Amino acid sequence: MAFTIYMVRHGQTFLNKYNRLQGWCDSPLTPKGMEDAHSAGRHLAHINFDHAYHSDTTRAMRTCRYILEENIASNDITPKEIRNFREQSFGYSEGNDSSQVWTMLGAQHGGYRSYNELIANYSLGKTRDFLNEIDPFKDAETDEQYWARINAGFDHLRRHRQDGENILLVSHSITIRSIVDRFAPELGAAELGPRNGSVTKLIVSKDDIKVEYYNHHLDNETY
């Protein structure tokens, strides 16, 4: 048994534009973000989707709807919410200036000054644990908490989806990045996050997840 997930990062939001951390908090799509979504829809217009999902954020829901508006190959689909694939929780750091947060965190761990430097010298998972350590409310997800819900999301899809189905799933930057880094580290997701509106293709079987491609967003790329 295996099914295909076309995992799309939502379109640009205002908090993305302002370089603010945006995990469980939400903000509207910018005009560019709406076009990001429609662009992803045009790239996937000829994929016959059997089901569509989005996380429980407005940015993911609207992106999903815009993608389906461009689709000419699928029957009428009502997207479903699946909160397991929301972004990681940044806890107390939600909404803060992204560069400032990572500089502050990096100062405590090797003197690094950016998120990418922290990942390169530690890992995506370690940055989650570091954020939890400095969170006075402990609302930032630990790596263990994060993967518990992501794995539960894949298990849910395995129980409810059928062999050969094509699934649209609109999710988030670090979630897509973390999944690809875990199952196909050679694709470099730890070094470069996915663009808004980009597509990542997963083949999900009973015991494995294979990444066919990551972060495709150009017209001349495969979809």
N, C-alpha and C. Protein backbone atom coordinates (compact mmCIF):
# COMPACT_ATOMS: atom_id res chain seq x y z
N MET A 1 0.83 -1.19 0.00
CA MET A 1 0.00 0.00 0.00
C MET A 1 0.88 1.25 0.00
N ALA A 2 0.58 2.18 -0.90
CA ALA A 2 1.30 3.44 -0.93
C ALA A 2 0.41 4.51 -1.56
N PHE A 3 0.49 5.71 -1.04
CA PHE A 3 -0.22 6.83 -1.64
C PHE A 3 0.73 8.01 -1.73
N THR A 4 0.35 9.00 -2.53
CA THR A 4 1.21 10.14 -2.82
C THR A 4 0.67 11.39 -2.15
N ILE A 5 1.55 12.12 -1.50
CA ILE A 5 1.19 13.42 -0.91
C ILE A 5 1.94 14.52 -1.65
N TYR A 6 1.18 15.47 -2.17
CA TYR A 6 1.76 16.70 -2.70
C TYR A 6 1.66 17.73 -1.58
N MET A 7 2.78 17.99 -0.93
CA MET A 7 2.80 18.83 0.26
C MET A 7 3.23 20.24 -0.14
N VAL A 8 2.36 21.20 0.09
CA VAL A 8 2.59 22.57 -0.36
C VAL A 8 2.76 23.49 0.84
N ARG A 9 3.76 24.36 0.78
CA ARG A 9 3.86 25.39 1.80
C ARG A 9 2.85 26.50 1.47
N HIS A 10 2.15 26.96 2.47
CA HIS A 10 1.17 28.04 2.27
C HIS A 10 1.81 29.27 1.63
N GLY A 11 0.98 30.14 1.08
CA GLY A 11 1.47 31.39 0.50
C GLY A 11 2.00 32.34 1.55
N GLN A 12 2.73 33.34 1.09
CA GLN A 12 3.31 34.33 2.01
C GLN A 12 2.23 35.03 2.83
N THR A 13 2.52 35.20 4.12
CA THR A 13 1.62 35.93 5.02
C THR A 13 2.29 37.25 5.42
N PHE A 14 1.52 38.08 6.12
CA PHE A 14 2.09 39.33 6.58
C PHE A 14 3.20 39.10 7.61
N LEU A 15 3.06 38.09 8.46
CA LEU A 15 4.14 37.83 9.41
C LEU A 15 5.38 37.28 8.70
N ASN A 16 5.19 36.50 7.62
CA ASN A 16 6.34 36.12 6.79
C ASN A 16 7.03 37.36 6.24
N LYS A 17 6.23 38.26 5.69
CA LYS A 17 6.76 39.49 5.07
C LYS A 17 7.54 40.31 6.07
N TYR A 18 7.06 40.36 7.32
CA TYR A 18 7.71 41.18 8.35
C TYR A 18 8.80 40.41 9.11
N ASN A 19 9.11 39.18 8.66
CA ASN A 19 10.16 38.35 9.26
C ASN A 19 9.87 38.06 10.73
N ARG A 20 8.62 37.72 11.01
CA ARG A 20 8.20 37.37 12.36
C ARG A 20 7.99 35.86 12.47
N LEU A 21 8.30 35.28 13.63
CA LEU A 21 8.06 33.87 13.84
C LEU A 21 6.56 33.60 13.84
N GLN A 22 6.14 32.61 13.08
CA GLN A 22 4.72 32.31 12.92
C GLN A 22 4.55 30.80 12.93
N GLY A 23 4.17 30.28 14.08
CA GLY A 23 3.96 28.85 14.22
C GLY A 23 2.48 28.56 14.39
N TRP A 24 2.04 28.54 15.65
CA TRP A 24 0.62 28.32 15.92
C TRP A 24 -0.19 29.60 15.80
N CYS A 25 0.46 30.76 15.85
CA CYS A 25 -0.27 32.00 15.58
C CYS A 25 -0.48 32.10 14.07
N ASP A 26 -1.32 33.04 13.65
CA ASP A 26 -1.74 33.09 12.25
C ASP A 26 -1.76 34.53 11.77
N SER A 27 -1.67 34.73 10.48
CA SER A 27 -1.87 36.04 9.87
C SER A 27 -2.33 35.84 8.44
N PRO A 28 -2.98 36.85 7.84
CA PRO A 28 -3.55 36.69 6.51
C PRO A 28 -2.48 36.55 5.42
N LEU A 29 -2.90 36.00 4.29
CA LEU A 29 -2.04 35.98 3.12
C LEU A 29 -1.89 37.39 2.57
N THR A 30 -0.69 37.72 2.14
CA THR A 30 -0.47 38.97 1.40
C THR A 30 -0.95 38.77 -0.04
N PRO A 31 -1.03 39.85 -0.83
CA PRO A 31 -1.31 39.66 -2.26
C PRO A 31 -0.33 38.71 -2.93
N LYS A 32 0.97 38.82 -2.56
CA LYS A 32 1.95 37.86 -3.09
C LYS A 32 1.60 36.44 -2.64
N GLY A 33 1.14 36.30 -1.38
CA GLY A 33 0.78 34.99 -0.87
C GLY A 33 -0.37 34.36 -1.62
N MET A 34 -1.34 35.16 -2.01
CA MET A 34 -2.44 34.65 -2.84
C MET A 34 -1.92 34.16 -4.17
N GLU A 35 -0.98 34.91 -4.77
CA GLU A 35 -0.40 34.49 -6.04
C GLU A 35 0.47 33.24 -5.85
N ASP A 36 1.18 33.14 -4.71
CA ASP A 36 1.93 31.91 -4.41
C ASP A 36 1.02 30.70 -4.48
N ALA A 37 -0.17 30.84 -3.89
CA ALA A 37 -1.12 29.72 -3.85
C ALA A 37 -1.64 29.39 -5.23
N HIS A 38 -2.01 30.41 -5.98
CA HIS A 38 -2.51 30.17 -7.34
C HIS A 38 -1.41 29.59 -8.23
N SER A 39 -0.17 30.03 -8.02
CA SER A 39 0.95 29.47 -8.79
C SER A 39 1.12 27.99 -8.50
N ALA A 40 1.06 27.61 -7.22
CA ALA A 40 1.12 26.19 -6.87
C ALA A 40 -0.03 25.44 -7.52
N GLY A 41 -1.21 26.05 -7.52
CA GLY A 41 -2.37 25.42 -8.16
C GLY A 41 -2.16 25.19 -9.64
N ARG A 42 -1.57 26.16 -10.33
CA ARG A 42 -1.30 25.99 -11.76
C ARG A 42 -0.28 24.88 -11.99
N HIS A 43 0.72 24.79 -11.12
CA HIS A 43 1.72 23.72 -11.26
C HIS A 43 1.10 22.34 -11.04
N LEU A 44 0.05 22.28 -10.22
CA LEU A 44 -0.59 21.00 -9.89
C LEU A 44 -1.94 20.83 -10.58
N ALA A 45 -2.20 21.66 -11.57
CA ALA A 45 -3.54 21.71 -12.17
C ALA A 45 -3.97 20.39 -12.80
N HIS A 46 -3.01 19.59 -13.26
CA HIS A 46 -3.35 18.34 -13.96
C HIS A 46 -3.23 17.11 -13.06
N ILE A 47 -3.02 17.31 -11.76
CA ILE A 47 -2.99 16.19 -10.82
C ILE A 47 -4.42 15.90 -10.38
N ASN A 48 -4.82 14.65 -10.53
CA ASN A 48 -6.16 14.23 -10.09
C ASN A 48 -6.10 13.89 -8.61
N PHE A 49 -6.49 14.85 -7.78
CA PHE A 49 -6.46 14.64 -6.34
C PHE A 49 -7.70 13.87 -5.88
N ASP A 50 -7.46 12.89 -5.03
CA ASP A 50 -8.57 12.15 -4.42
C ASP A 50 -9.06 12.81 -3.15
N HIS A 51 -8.15 13.48 -2.43
CA HIS A 51 -8.50 14.16 -1.19
C HIS A 51 -7.59 15.36 -1.01
N ALA A 52 -8.05 16.33 -0.24
CA ALA A 52 -7.24 17.51 0.07
C ALA A 52 -7.33 17.82 1.55
N TYR A 53 -6.20 18.19 2.12
CA TYR A 53 -6.11 18.52 3.54
C TYR A 53 -5.33 19.82 3.71
N HIS A 54 -5.57 20.48 4.83
CA HIS A 54 -4.77 21.62 5.22
C HIS A 54 -4.70 21.64 6.75
N SER A 55 -3.68 22.30 7.28
CA SER A 55 -3.59 22.45 8.72
C SER A 55 -4.72 23.35 9.20
N ASP A 56 -4.81 23.52 10.51
CA ASP A 56 -5.91 24.29 11.09
C ASP A 56 -5.60 25.78 11.19
N THR A 57 -4.87 26.31 10.22
CA THR A 57 -4.60 27.74 10.16
C THR A 57 -5.29 28.33 8.94
N THR A 58 -5.69 29.60 9.06
CA THR A 58 -6.36 30.26 7.95
C THR A 58 -5.44 30.34 6.73
N ARG A 59 -4.15 30.56 6.96
CA ARG A 59 -3.23 30.68 5.83
C ARG A 59 -3.14 29.40 5.01
N ALA A 60 -3.20 28.26 5.70
CA ALA A 60 -3.16 26.98 4.99
C ALA A 60 -4.50 26.68 4.33
N MET A 61 -5.59 26.99 5.00
CA MET A 61 -6.92 26.75 4.44
C MET A 61 -7.14 27.54 3.16
N ARG A 62 -6.79 28.84 3.19
CA ARG A 62 -6.99 29.66 2.01
C ARG A 62 -6.08 29.23 0.86
N THR A 63 -4.84 28.88 1.19
CA THR A 63 -3.93 28.39 0.16
C THR A 63 -4.49 27.14 -0.50
N CYS A 64 -5.02 26.23 0.30
CA CYS A 64 -5.59 24.99 -0.23
C CYS A 64 -6.74 25.29 -1.20
N ARG A 65 -7.59 26.20 -0.82
CA ARG A 65 -8.74 26.53 -1.68
C ARG A 65 -8.30 27.17 -2.99
N TYR A 66 -7.30 28.04 -2.93
CA TYR A 66 -6.80 28.67 -4.15
C TYR A 66 -6.15 27.63 -5.07
N ILE A 67 -5.45 26.67 -4.48
CA ILE A 67 -4.85 25.60 -5.30
C ILE A 67 -5.94 24.82 -6.03
N LEU A 68 -6.99 24.46 -5.31
CA LEU A 68 -8.06 23.67 -5.92
C LEU A 68 -8.83 24.46 -6.96
N GLU A 69 -8.89 25.78 -6.81
CA GLU A 69 -9.54 26.61 -7.83
C GLU A 69 -8.85 26.49 -9.18
N GLU A 70 -7.55 26.24 -9.16
CA GLU A 70 -6.78 26.13 -10.41
C GLU A 70 -6.80 24.72 -10.98
N ASN A 71 -7.28 23.75 -10.21
CA ASN A 71 -7.19 22.35 -10.63
C ASN A 71 -8.27 21.99 -11.63
N ILE A 72 -7.87 21.34 -12.73
CA ILE A 72 -8.83 20.96 -13.78
C ILE A 72 -8.96 19.45 -13.91
N ALA A 73 -8.27 18.70 -13.05
CA ALA A 73 -8.25 17.25 -13.19
C ALA A 73 -9.04 16.52 -12.12
N SER A 74 -9.39 17.19 -11.03
CA SER A 74 -10.04 16.53 -9.91
C SER A 74 -11.54 16.75 -9.92
N ASN A 75 -12.24 15.82 -9.30
CA ASN A 75 -13.66 16.04 -9.03
C ASN A 75 -13.80 17.07 -7.92
N ASP A 76 -15.02 17.51 -7.67
CA ASP A 76 -15.25 18.49 -6.61
C ASP A 76 -14.81 17.92 -5.27
N ILE A 77 -13.87 18.61 -4.61
CA ILE A 77 -13.30 18.13 -3.35
C ILE A 77 -13.57 19.14 -2.25
N THR A 78 -14.00 18.66 -1.11
CA THR A 78 -14.12 19.50 0.07
C THR A 78 -12.90 19.26 0.94
N PRO A 79 -12.01 20.25 1.07
CA PRO A 79 -10.80 20.05 1.88
C PRO A 79 -11.14 19.77 3.34
N LYS A 80 -10.28 18.98 3.97
CA LYS A 80 -10.45 18.64 5.38
C LYS A 80 -9.29 19.22 6.19
N GLU A 81 -9.58 19.54 7.45
CA GLU A 81 -8.56 20.06 8.35
C GLU A 81 -7.84 18.90 9.03
N ILE A 82 -6.52 19.01 9.12
CA ILE A 82 -5.73 18.04 9.86
C ILE A 82 -4.66 18.80 10.64
N ARG A 83 -4.92 19.00 11.92
CA ARG A 83 -4.09 19.89 12.72
C ARG A 83 -2.70 19.30 13.01
N ASN A 84 -2.52 18.00 12.79
CA ASN A 84 -1.20 17.39 13.05
C ASN A 84 -0.10 18.03 12.23
N PHE A 85 -0.46 18.58 11.06
CA PHE A 85 0.55 19.12 10.16
C PHE A 85 0.64 20.64 10.22
N ARG A 86 0.22 21.23 11.37
CA ARG A 86 0.47 22.65 11.58
C ARG A 86 1.96 22.87 11.80
N GLU A 87 2.37 24.13 11.81
CA GLU A 87 3.76 24.46 12.06
C GLU A 87 4.13 24.13 13.50
N GLN A 88 5.44 24.07 13.78
CA GLN A 88 5.86 23.87 15.17
C GLN A 88 5.43 25.07 16.00
N SER A 89 5.22 24.85 17.28
CA SER A 89 4.90 25.95 18.17
C SER A 89 6.19 26.60 18.66
N PHE A 90 6.26 27.93 18.48
CA PHE A 90 7.38 28.70 19.00
C PHE A 90 7.11 29.22 20.41
N GLY A 91 5.93 28.92 20.94
CA GLY A 91 5.61 29.30 22.32
C GLY A 91 5.72 30.80 22.56
N TYR A 92 6.44 31.17 23.59
CA TYR A 92 6.56 32.58 23.99
C TYR A 92 7.17 33.43 22.88
N SER A 93 7.91 32.81 21.96
CA SER A 93 8.57 33.55 20.88
C SER A 93 7.66 33.83 19.69
N GLU A 94 6.45 33.31 19.71
CA GLU A 94 5.51 33.54 18.60
C GLU A 94 5.36 35.04 18.32
N GLY A 95 5.47 35.41 17.05
CA GLY A 95 5.26 36.78 16.64
C GLY A 95 6.46 37.69 16.80
N ASN A 96 7.51 37.20 17.44
CA ASN A 96 8.71 38.03 17.64
C ASN A 96 9.54 38.09 16.36
N ASP A 97 10.39 39.09 16.29
CA ASP A 97 11.29 39.22 15.15
C ASP A 97 12.17 37.97 15.07
N SER A 98 12.14 37.33 13.91
CA SER A 98 12.82 36.05 13.76
C SER A 98 14.33 36.17 13.96
N SER A 99 14.95 37.15 13.34
CA SER A 99 16.40 37.30 13.45
C SER A 99 16.81 37.54 14.89
N GLN A 100 16.03 38.33 15.61
CA GLN A 100 16.35 38.63 17.00
C GLN A 100 16.29 37.39 17.88
N VAL A 101 15.24 36.58 17.67
CA VAL A 101 15.10 35.36 18.47
C VAL A 101 16.27 34.43 18.25
N TRP A 102 16.64 34.21 16.98
CA TRP A 102 17.70 33.24 16.71
C TRP A 102 19.06 33.77 17.14
N THR A 103 19.27 35.09 17.05
CA THR A 103 20.52 35.67 17.55
C THR A 103 20.62 35.48 19.07
N MET A 104 19.52 35.74 19.77
CA MET A 104 19.50 35.58 21.21
C MET A 104 19.75 34.12 21.60
N LEU A 105 19.10 33.20 20.87
CA LEU A 105 19.27 31.79 21.17
C LEU A 105 20.69 31.33 20.83
N GLY A 106 21.18 31.79 19.69
CA GLY A 106 22.52 31.40 19.27
C GLY A 106 23.61 31.89 20.20
N ALA A 107 23.35 33.03 20.85
CA ALA A 107 24.34 33.57 21.79
C ALA A 107 24.59 32.61 22.94
N GLN A 108 23.59 31.79 23.26
CA GLN A 108 23.71 30.82 24.34
C GLN A 108 24.25 29.48 23.87
N HIS A 109 24.34 29.31 22.56
CA HIS A 109 24.75 28.01 22.01
C HIS A 109 25.78 28.22 20.90
N GLY A 110 27.00 28.56 21.31
CA GLY A 110 28.10 28.66 20.36
C GLY A 110 28.30 30.02 19.74
N GLY A 111 27.46 30.99 20.09
CA GLY A 111 27.62 32.33 19.54
C GLY A 111 27.14 32.47 18.11
N TYR A 112 26.32 31.55 17.65
CA TYR A 112 25.81 31.64 16.29
C TYR A 112 24.73 32.72 16.21
N ARG A 113 24.53 33.29 15.01
CA ARG A 113 23.70 34.46 14.89
C ARG A 113 22.48 34.27 13.98
N SER A 114 22.25 33.07 13.49
CA SER A 114 21.10 32.86 12.61
C SER A 114 20.53 31.45 12.80
N TYR A 115 19.30 31.27 12.35
CA TYR A 115 18.65 29.96 12.41
C TYR A 115 19.45 28.92 11.63
N ASN A 116 19.88 29.29 10.43
CA ASN A 116 20.61 28.33 9.60
C ASN A 116 21.94 27.95 10.23
N GLU A 117 22.60 28.88 10.91
CA GLU A 117 23.85 28.54 11.60
C GLU A 117 23.59 27.56 12.75
N LEU A 118 22.51 27.79 13.47
CA LEU A 118 22.15 26.87 14.56
C LEU A 118 21.87 25.48 14.02
N ILE A 119 21.11 25.40 12.93
CA ILE A 119 20.79 24.09 12.34
C ILE A 119 22.06 23.40 11.87
N ALA A 120 22.93 24.16 11.21
CA ALA A 120 24.15 23.56 10.66
C ALA A 120 25.04 22.99 11.76
N ASN A 121 25.04 23.63 12.92
CA ASN A 121 25.93 23.19 14.00
C ASN A 121 25.24 22.30 15.03
N TYR A 122 23.93 22.26 15.00
CA TYR A 122 23.18 21.37 15.88
C TYR A 122 22.23 20.54 15.01
N SER A 123 20.95 20.90 14.95
CA SER A 123 19.98 20.22 14.09
C SER A 123 18.65 20.96 14.21
N LEU A 124 17.72 20.65 13.33
CA LEU A 124 16.38 21.22 13.45
C LEU A 124 15.75 20.84 14.78
N GLY A 125 15.93 19.59 15.16
CA GLY A 125 15.35 19.13 16.42
C GLY A 125 15.93 19.84 17.63
N LYS A 126 17.23 20.08 17.62
CA LYS A 126 17.85 20.76 18.75
C LYS A 126 17.33 22.19 18.89
N THR A 127 17.05 22.86 17.77
CA THR A 127 16.54 24.23 17.88
C THR A 127 15.18 24.24 18.58
N ARG A 128 14.37 23.19 18.37
CA ARG A 128 13.09 23.10 19.08
C ARG A 128 13.33 22.97 20.58
N ASP A 129 14.24 22.11 20.95
CA ASP A 129 14.52 21.93 22.38
C ASP A 129 15.12 23.20 22.99
N PHE A 130 15.97 23.90 22.25
CA PHE A 130 16.55 25.14 22.75
C PHE A 130 15.46 26.18 23.02
N LEU A 131 14.49 26.30 22.10
CA LEU A 131 13.40 27.26 22.29
C LEU A 131 12.56 26.91 23.51
N ASN A 132 12.33 25.63 23.70
CA ASN A 132 11.56 25.21 24.87
C ASN A 132 12.29 25.56 26.17
N GLU A 133 13.61 25.42 26.16
CA GLU A 133 14.41 25.69 27.35
C GLU A 133 14.30 27.15 27.79
N ILE A 134 14.22 28.08 26.84
CA ILE A 134 14.18 29.50 27.21
C ILE A 134 12.75 30.03 27.34
N ASP A 135 11.75 29.20 27.05
CA ASP A 135 10.35 29.63 27.10
C ASP A 135 9.87 29.63 28.56
N PRO A 136 9.51 30.79 29.11
CA PRO A 136 9.08 30.82 30.52
C PRO A 136 7.79 30.06 30.77
N PHE A 137 6.99 29.86 29.71
CA PHE A 137 5.73 29.12 29.85
C PHE A 137 5.84 27.66 29.38
N LYS A 138 6.96 27.31 28.78
CA LYS A 138 7.20 25.97 28.24
C LYS A 138 6.16 25.58 27.19
N ASP A 139 5.68 26.56 26.44
CA ASP A 139 4.71 26.29 25.38
C ASP A 139 5.38 25.96 24.05
N ALA A 140 6.63 26.34 23.87
CA ALA A 140 7.36 25.96 22.66
C ALA A 140 7.51 24.44 22.63
N GLU A 141 7.18 23.82 21.51
CA GLU A 141 7.24 22.36 21.41
C GLU A 141 8.67 21.84 21.51
N THR A 142 8.86 20.79 22.25
CA THR A 142 10.12 20.05 22.21
C THR A 142 10.14 19.21 20.94
N ASP A 143 11.30 18.72 20.59
CA ASP A 143 11.40 17.86 19.41
C ASP A 143 10.55 16.59 19.58
N GLU A 144 10.54 16.05 20.78
CA GLU A 144 9.74 14.84 21.04
C GLU A 144 8.25 15.12 20.87
N GLN A 145 7.77 16.23 21.41
CA GLN A 145 6.36 16.60 21.26
C GLN A 145 6.01 16.84 19.81
N TYR A 146 6.90 17.51 19.11
CA TYR A 146 6.68 17.83 17.70
C TYR A 146 6.50 16.56 16.87
N TRP A 147 7.44 15.63 17.01
CA TRP A 147 7.37 14.43 16.18
C TRP A 147 6.24 13.49 16.59
N ALA A 148 5.82 13.55 17.84
CA ALA A 148 4.68 12.74 18.25
C ALA A 148 3.43 13.12 17.46
N ARG A 149 3.19 14.41 17.26
CA ARG A 149 1.98 14.79 16.51
C ARG A 149 2.15 14.61 15.00
N ILE A 150 3.38 14.85 14.48
CA ILE A 150 3.60 14.62 13.05
C ILE A 150 3.43 13.14 12.72
N ASN A 151 4.03 12.27 13.52
CA ASN A 151 3.89 10.83 13.29
C ASN A 151 2.44 10.38 13.40
N ALA A 152 1.70 10.96 14.35
CA ALA A 152 0.28 10.63 14.49
C ALA A 152 -0.50 11.07 13.25
N GLY A 153 -0.08 12.18 12.64
CA GLY A 153 -0.73 12.63 11.41
C GLY A 153 -0.52 11.66 10.27
N PHE A 154 0.70 11.18 10.10
CA PHE A 154 0.95 10.19 9.05
C PHE A 154 0.20 8.89 9.33
N ASP A 155 0.14 8.48 10.60
CA ASP A 155 -0.60 7.27 10.95
C ASP A 155 -2.09 7.43 10.63
N HIS A 156 -2.63 8.62 10.88
CA HIS A 156 -4.04 8.89 10.55
C HIS A 156 -4.27 8.74 9.05
N LEU A 157 -3.39 9.31 8.26
CA LEU A 157 -3.55 9.20 6.80
C LEU A 157 -3.41 7.75 6.35
N ARG A 158 -2.50 7.02 6.92
CA ARG A 158 -2.34 5.61 6.55
C ARG A 158 -3.61 4.81 6.84
N ARG A 159 -4.31 5.14 7.90
CA ARG A 159 -5.54 4.42 8.25
C ARG A 159 -6.71 4.78 7.34
N HIS A 160 -6.70 5.99 6.81
CA HIS A 160 -7.88 6.48 6.10
C HIS A 160 -7.71 6.63 4.59
N ARG A 161 -6.53 6.49 4.09
CA ARG A 161 -6.31 6.65 2.66
C ARG A 161 -6.01 5.30 2.01
N GLN A 162 -6.23 5.24 0.69
CA GLN A 162 -6.14 3.98 -0.03
C GLN A 162 -4.91 3.95 -0.95
N ASP A 163 -4.57 2.75 -1.35
CA ASP A 163 -3.44 2.55 -2.25
C ASP A 163 -3.66 3.32 -3.55
N GLY A 164 -2.63 4.04 -3.99
CA GLY A 164 -2.66 4.73 -5.26
C GLY A 164 -3.29 6.11 -5.25
N GLU A 165 -3.81 6.57 -4.11
CA GLU A 165 -4.48 7.86 -4.07
C GLU A 165 -3.47 9.02 -4.12
N ASN A 166 -3.91 10.15 -4.66
CA ASN A 166 -3.15 11.39 -4.66
C ASN A 166 -3.77 12.35 -3.65
N ILE A 167 -2.94 12.85 -2.74
CA ILE A 167 -3.40 13.70 -1.65
C ILE A 167 -2.75 15.07 -1.75
N LEU A 168 -3.54 16.13 -1.66
CA LEU A 168 -3.01 17.48 -1.51
C LEU A 168 -2.98 17.80 -0.02
N LEU A 169 -1.84 18.27 0.47
CA LEU A 169 -1.70 18.64 1.88
C LEU A 169 -0.98 19.97 1.98
N VAL A 170 -1.67 21.00 2.45
CA VAL A 170 -1.05 22.31 2.62
C VAL A 170 -0.57 22.45 4.05
N SER A 171 0.72 22.71 4.19
CA SER A 171 1.35 22.75 5.51
C SER A 171 2.28 23.95 5.60
N HIS A 172 3.41 23.79 6.30
CA HIS A 172 4.21 24.94 6.72
C HIS A 172 5.70 24.68 6.53
N SER A 173 6.46 25.76 6.59
CA SER A 173 7.87 25.73 6.22
C SER A 173 8.69 24.72 7.03
N ILE A 174 8.74 24.91 8.35
CA ILE A 174 9.61 24.05 9.15
C ILE A 174 9.07 22.62 9.21
N THR A 175 7.76 22.47 9.12
CA THR A 175 7.18 21.12 9.10
C THR A 175 7.63 20.36 7.86
N ILE A 176 7.52 21.00 6.69
CA ILE A 176 7.97 20.37 5.46
C ILE A 176 9.48 20.13 5.52
N ARG A 177 10.19 21.11 5.96
CA ARG A 177 11.65 21.04 6.05
C ARG A 177 12.09 19.90 6.96
N SER A 178 11.43 19.75 8.09
CA SER A 178 11.79 18.71 9.05
C SER A 178 11.51 17.31 8.50
N ILE A 179 10.36 17.16 7.82
CA ILE A 179 10.01 15.86 7.24
C ILE A 179 11.03 15.46 6.19
N VAL A 180 11.38 16.39 5.32
CA VAL A 180 12.35 16.07 4.26
C VAL A 180 13.72 15.80 4.87
N ASP A 181 14.12 16.58 5.86
CA ASP A 181 15.42 16.36 6.49
C ASP A 181 15.50 14.99 7.15
N ARG A 182 14.38 14.52 7.69
CA ARG A 182 14.39 13.20 8.34
C ARG A 182 14.44 12.07 7.33
N PHE A 183 13.68 12.17 6.25
CA PHE A 183 13.53 11.03 5.34
C PHE A 183 14.39 11.13 4.08
N ALA A 184 14.91 12.32 3.79
CA ALA A 184 15.80 12.46 2.63
C ALA A 184 16.80 13.58 2.89
N PRO A 185 17.70 13.40 3.87
CA PRO A 185 18.63 14.47 4.23
C PRO A 185 19.52 14.91 3.09
N GLU A 186 19.71 14.04 2.11
CA GLU A 186 20.57 14.38 0.98
C GLU A 186 20.01 15.52 0.12
N LEU A 187 18.71 15.84 0.30
CA LEU A 187 18.10 16.90 -0.50
C LEU A 187 18.37 18.30 0.06
N GLY A 188 19.00 18.38 1.22
CA GLY A 188 19.47 19.66 1.72
C GLY A 188 18.43 20.54 2.38
N ALA A 189 17.36 19.96 2.89
CA ALA A 189 16.34 20.77 3.55
C ALA A 189 16.87 21.45 4.81
N ALA A 190 17.87 20.87 5.44
CA ALA A 190 18.45 21.50 6.63
C ALA A 190 19.16 22.80 6.27
N GLU A 191 19.63 22.90 5.03
CA GLU A 191 20.34 24.10 4.60
C GLU A 191 19.41 25.15 3.99
N LEU A 192 18.30 24.71 3.41
CA LEU A 192 17.42 25.64 2.69
C LEU A 192 15.96 25.26 2.91
N GLY A 193 15.19 26.19 3.46
CA GLY A 193 13.77 25.94 3.67
C GLY A 193 12.96 26.08 2.39
N PRO A 194 11.74 25.55 2.36
CA PRO A 194 10.91 25.62 1.16
C PRO A 194 10.32 27.01 0.97
N ARG A 195 10.19 27.43 -0.27
CA ARG A 195 9.58 28.72 -0.57
C ARG A 195 8.07 28.67 -0.37
N ASN A 196 7.48 29.81 -0.14
CA ASN A 196 6.02 29.90 -0.09
C ASN A 196 5.45 29.44 -1.43
N GLY A 197 4.46 28.53 -1.36
CA GLY A 197 3.85 28.02 -2.58
C GLY A 197 4.61 26.91 -3.26
N SER A 198 5.71 26.46 -2.67
CA SER A 198 6.48 25.38 -3.29
C SER A 198 5.82 24.03 -3.01
N VAL A 199 6.17 23.04 -3.84
CA VAL A 199 5.60 21.70 -3.76
C VAL A 199 6.69 20.70 -3.41
N THR A 200 6.37 19.80 -2.49
CA THR A 200 7.24 18.69 -2.12
C THR A 200 6.43 17.41 -2.25
N LYS A 201 6.97 16.42 -2.93
CA LYS A 201 6.22 15.20 -3.22
C LYS A 201 6.72 14.03 -2.37
N LEU A 202 5.79 13.43 -1.63
CA LEU A 202 6.09 12.29 -0.76
C LEU A 202 5.34 11.05 -1.22
N ILE A 203 5.98 9.90 -1.12
CA ILE A 203 5.33 8.61 -1.33
C ILE A 203 5.28 7.92 0.03
N VAL A 204 4.07 7.75 0.56
CA VAL A 204 3.89 7.21 1.90
C VAL A 204 3.41 5.77 1.81
N SER A 205 4.18 4.86 2.37
CA SER A 205 3.80 3.45 2.43
C SER A 205 3.56 3.07 3.89
N LYS A 206 3.30 1.81 4.12
CA LYS A 206 3.00 1.35 5.47
C LYS A 206 4.15 1.61 6.43
N ASP A 207 5.37 1.43 5.97
CA ASP A 207 6.51 1.48 6.87
C ASP A 207 7.54 2.55 6.52
N ASP A 208 7.26 3.38 5.50
CA ASP A 208 8.29 4.29 5.06
C ASP A 208 7.68 5.54 4.43
N ILE A 209 8.50 6.57 4.31
CA ILE A 209 8.15 7.78 3.56
C ILE A 209 9.32 8.10 2.65
N LYS A 210 9.06 8.20 1.36
CA LYS A 210 10.09 8.55 0.40
C LYS A 210 9.80 9.93 -0.17
N VAL A 211 10.83 10.72 -0.34
CA VAL A 211 10.68 12.06 -0.89
C VAL A 211 11.12 12.03 -2.35
N GLU A 212 10.17 12.27 -3.26
CA GLU A 212 10.49 12.25 -4.69
C GLU A 212 11.13 13.56 -5.13
N TYR A 213 10.67 14.67 -4.61
CA TYR A 213 11.33 15.95 -4.85
C TYR A 213 10.95 16.92 -3.74
N TYR A 214 11.74 17.99 -3.63
CA TYR A 214 11.57 18.96 -2.55
C TYR A 214 11.63 20.38 -3.10
N ASN A 215 10.69 21.22 -2.65
CA ASN A 215 10.77 22.67 -2.88
C ASN A 215 10.71 23.04 -4.36
N HIS A 216 9.86 22.38 -5.13
CA HIS A 216 9.71 22.75 -6.54
C HIS A 216 8.73 23.93 -6.64
N HIS A 217 9.15 24.96 -7.37
CA HIS A 217 8.31 26.14 -7.52
C HIS A 217 8.45 26.82 -8.87
N LEU A 218 9.38 26.35 -9.68
CA LEU A 218 9.60 26.95 -10.98
C LEU A 218 8.75 26.27 -12.06
N ASP A 219 8.41 27.02 -13.08
CA ASP A 219 7.55 26.48 -14.14
C ASP A 219 8.19 25.32 -14.87
N ASN A 220 9.52 25.29 -14.96
CA ASN A 220 10.18 24.23 -15.72
C ASN A 220 10.53 23.00 -14.88
N GLU A 221 10.07 22.96 -13.63
CA GLU A 221 10.35 21.80 -12.78
C GLU A 221 9.25 20.76 -12.90
N THR A 222 9.57 19.54 -12.46
CA THR A 222 8.62 18.42 -12.49
C THR A 222 7.62 18.55 -11.35
N TYR A 223 6.34 18.17 -11.64
CA TYR A 223 5.31 18.18 -10.59
C TYR A 223 4.50 16.90 -10.64
